[in-house]
Amino acid sequence: MLLTNLFQLTQDLDKNLNLFYSNDSLKHAIPIRKINLTSDKCCLICKEGNPRTLRDLNSLLGKIKQKNIPVFIEYLHSTYNIFGLQINNENKQIYLK
């Protein structure tokens, strides 16, 4: 997924939603704690603790000029592609998958 696509999917959502990574092999969702931006990719790093919010993502990355870069998840020193997201309004969470 490109950063532009992620912003388009989340532009009308509540900015206080927490960001998590989830896939079928994980027993529970892992919070996204750090955002690492380079000239050719954006990496969302998962660690236990308090997750980043959608507001954090928008404030850190919303003003960069080049948004046509891929977004990846890094968890346990492995990199995963993002193919979509799931929204849980009751728990105020977004699951990147």
C-alpha atoms as a PDB file:
ATOM      1  CA  MET A   1       0.000   0.000   0.000  1.00  0.00           C
ATOM      2  CA  LEU A   2       1.227   3.493  -0.730  1.00  0.00           C
ATOM      3  CA  LEU A   3       1.167   6.243   1.868  1.00  0.00           C
ATOM      4  CA  THR A   4      -1.256   8.182  -0.359  1.00  0.00           C
ATOM      5  CA  ASN A   5      -3.694   5.265  -0.290  1.00  0.00           C
ATOM      6  CA  LEU A   6      -3.499   4.999   3.494  1.00  0.00           C
ATOM      7  CA  PHE A   7      -4.291   8.706   3.844  1.00  0.00           C
ATOM      8  CA  GLN A   8      -7.233   8.377   1.429  1.00  0.00           C
ATOM      9  CA  LEU A   9      -8.677   5.428   3.358  1.00  0.00           C
ATOM     10  CA  THR A  10      -8.418   7.203   6.703  1.00  0.00           C
ATOM     11  CA  GLN A  11      -9.197  10.830   5.830  1.00  0.00           C
ATOM     12  CA  ASP A  12     -12.797  10.781   7.122  1.00  0.00           C
ATOM     13  CA  LEU A  13     -12.113   8.740  10.258  1.00  0.00           C
ATOM     14  CA  ASP A  14     -11.852   9.879  13.864  1.00  0.00           C
ATOM     15  CA  LYS A  15      -8.261  11.021  14.394  1.00  0.00           C
ATOM     16  CA  ASN A  16      -8.184   9.518  17.915  1.00  0.00           C
ATOM     17  CA  LEU A  17      -8.292   5.929  16.626  1.00  0.00           C
ATOM     18  CA  ASN A  18      -5.310   3.839  17.755  1.00  0.00           C
ATOM     19  CA  LEU A  19      -3.164   2.038  15.166  1.00  0.00           C
ATOM     20  CA  PHE A  20      -2.505  -1.706  15.390  1.00  0.00           C
ATOM     21  CA  TYR A  21      -1.089  -4.424  13.163  1.00  0.00           C
ATOM     22  CA  SER A  22      -2.977  -7.680  12.868  1.00  0.00           C
ATOM     23  CA  ASN A  23      -2.776 -10.755  10.674  1.00  0.00           C
ATOM     24  CA  ASP A  24      -4.229 -14.243  10.785  1.00  0.00           C
ATOM     25  CA  SER A  25      -1.194 -15.816  12.463  1.00  0.00           C
ATOM     26  CA  LEU A  26      -1.167 -13.409  15.438  1.00  0.00           C
ATOM     27  CA  LYS A  27      -3.275 -14.165  18.511  1.00  0.00           C
ATOM     28  CA  HIS A  28      -3.818 -10.481  19.238  1.00  0.00           C
ATOM     29  CA  ALA A  29      -3.182  -7.152  17.550  1.00  0.00           C
ATOM     30  CA  ILE A  30       0.219  -5.509  18.067  1.00  0.00           C
ATOM     31  CA  PRO A  31       0.346  -1.727  18.656  1.00  0.00           C
ATOM     32  CA  ILE A  32       2.197   0.461  16.193  1.00  0.00           C
ATOM     33  CA  ARG A  33       4.640   2.471  18.301  1.00  0.00           C
ATOM     34  CA  LYS A  34       7.129   4.102  15.944  1.00  0.00           C
ATOM     35  CA  ILE A  35       7.126   5.606  12.476  1.00  0.00           C
ATOM     36  CA  ASN A  36      10.328   5.500  10.434  1.00  0.00           C
ATOM     37  CA  LEU A  37      10.403   7.527   7.215  1.00  0.00           C
ATOM     38  CA  THR A  38      13.103   7.344   4.554  1.00  0.00           C
ATOM     39  CA  SER A  39      13.212   8.716   1.027  1.00  0.00           C
ATOM     40  CA  ASP A  40      11.899   5.476  -0.459  1.00  0.00           C
ATOM     41  CA  LYS A  41       9.603   3.935   2.187  1.00  0.00           C
ATOM     42  CA  CYS A  42       7.620   4.438   5.386  1.00  0.00           C
ATOM     43  CA  CYS A  43       7.948   1.767   8.041  1.00  0.00           C
ATOM     44  CA  LEU A  44       5.476   1.444  10.926  1.00  0.00           C
ATOM     45  CA  ILE A  45       7.237  -0.364  13.759  1.00  0.00           C
ATOM     46  CA  CYS A  46       5.279  -2.596  16.146  1.00  0.00           C
ATOM     47  CA  LYS A  47       6.170  -2.972  19.818  1.00  0.00           C
ATOM     48  CA  GLU A  48       4.225  -3.565  22.990  1.00  0.00           C
ATOM     49  CA  GLY A  49       2.991  -0.438  24.770  1.00  0.00           C
ATOM     50  CA  ASN A  50       0.764   2.500  23.963  1.00  0.00           C
ATOM     51  CA  PRO A  51      -0.098   2.712  20.263  1.00  0.00           C
ATOM     52  CA  ARG A  52       0.174   5.734  18.008  1.00  0.00           C
ATOM     53  CA  THR A  53      -3.050   7.390  16.914  1.00  0.00           C
ATOM     54  CA  LEU A  54      -4.228   8.363  13.487  1.00  0.00           C
ATOM     55  CA  ARG A  55      -3.613  11.967  14.542  1.00  0.00           C
ATOM     56  CA  ASP A  56       0.073  11.122  15.177  1.00  0.00           C
ATOM     57  CA  LEU A  57       0.371   9.564  11.728  1.00  0.00           C
ATOM     58  CA  ASN A  58      -1.238  12.580  10.042  1.00  0.00           C
ATOM     59  CA  SER A  59       0.795  15.144  11.959  1.00  0.00           C
ATOM     60  CA  LEU A  60       4.108  13.362  11.336  1.00  0.00           C
ATOM     61  CA  LEU A  61       3.587  12.390   7.705  1.00  0.00           C
ATOM     62  CA  GLY A  62       0.817  14.630   6.398  1.00  0.00           C
ATOM     63  CA  LYS A  63       3.071  17.500   5.342  1.00  0.00           C
ATOM     64  CA  ILE A  64       5.673  15.584   3.380  1.00  0.00           C
ATOM     65  CA  LYS A  65       5.638  16.259  -0.351  1.00  0.00           C
ATOM     66  CA  GLN A  66       6.302  12.772  -1.697  1.00  0.00           C
ATOM     67  CA  LYS A  67       3.469  10.510  -0.515  1.00  0.00           C
ATOM     68  CA  ASN A  68       3.798   7.919  -3.286  1.00  0.00           C
ATOM     69  CA  ILE A  69       6.051   5.705  -1.203  1.00  0.00           C
ATOM     70  CA  PRO A  70       5.199   2.214   0.068  1.00  0.00           C
ATOM     71  CA  VAL A  71       4.167   1.670   3.677  1.00  0.00           C
ATOM     72  CA  PHE A  72       5.380  -1.433   5.497  1.00  0.00           C
ATOM     73  CA  ILE A  73       4.952  -2.970   8.937  1.00  0.00           C
ATOM     74  CA  GLU A  74       8.043  -4.055  10.871  1.00  0.00           C
ATOM     75  CA  TYR A  75       7.489  -6.650  13.575  1.00  0.00           C
ATOM     76  CA  LEU A  76      10.165  -8.852  15.169  1.00  0.00           C
ATOM     77  CA  HIS A  77      12.762  -7.767  12.580  1.00  0.00           C
ATOM     78  CA  SER A  78      10.529  -8.872   9.679  1.00  0.00           C
ATOM     79  CA  THR A  79       8.838  -6.592   7.166  1.00  0.00           C
ATOM     80  CA  TYR A  80       5.225  -7.081   6.045  1.00  0.00           C
ATOM     81  CA  ASN A  81       3.167  -5.415   3.330  1.00  0.00           C
ATOM     82  CA  ILE A  82      -0.101  -3.679   4.158  1.00  0.00           C
ATOM     83  CA  PHE A  83      -3.045  -4.693   1.995  1.00  0.00           C
ATOM     84  CA  GLY A  84      -5.943  -3.065   3.825  1.00  0.00           C
ATOM     85  CA  LEU A  85      -7.387  -2.046   7.135  1.00  0.00           C
ATOM     86  CA  GLN A  86     -10.215  -2.906   9.490  1.00  0.00           C
ATOM     87  CA  ILE A  87     -11.928  -0.329  11.695  1.00  0.00           C
ATOM     88  CA  ASN A  88     -13.286  -1.070  15.168  1.00  0.00           C
ATOM     89  CA  ASN A  89     -15.170   2.053  16.292  1.00  0.00           C
ATOM     90  CA  GLU A  90     -16.243   0.534  19.616  1.00  0.00           C
ATOM     91  CA  ASN A  91     -12.655   0.088  20.779  1.00  0.00           C
ATOM     92  CA  LYS A  92     -11.327   3.120  18.869  1.00  0.00           C
ATOM     93  CA  GLN A  93      -8.877   0.986  16.885  1.00  0.00           C
ATOM     94  CA  ILE A  94      -7.667   0.578  13.300  1.00  0.00           C
ATOM     95  CA  TYR A  95      -6.112  -2.758  12.360  1.00  0.00           C
ATOM     96  CA  LEU A  96      -3.687  -2.608   9.438  1.00  0.00           C
ATOM     97  CA  LYS A  97      -3.550  -5.970   7.683  1.00  0.00           C
END
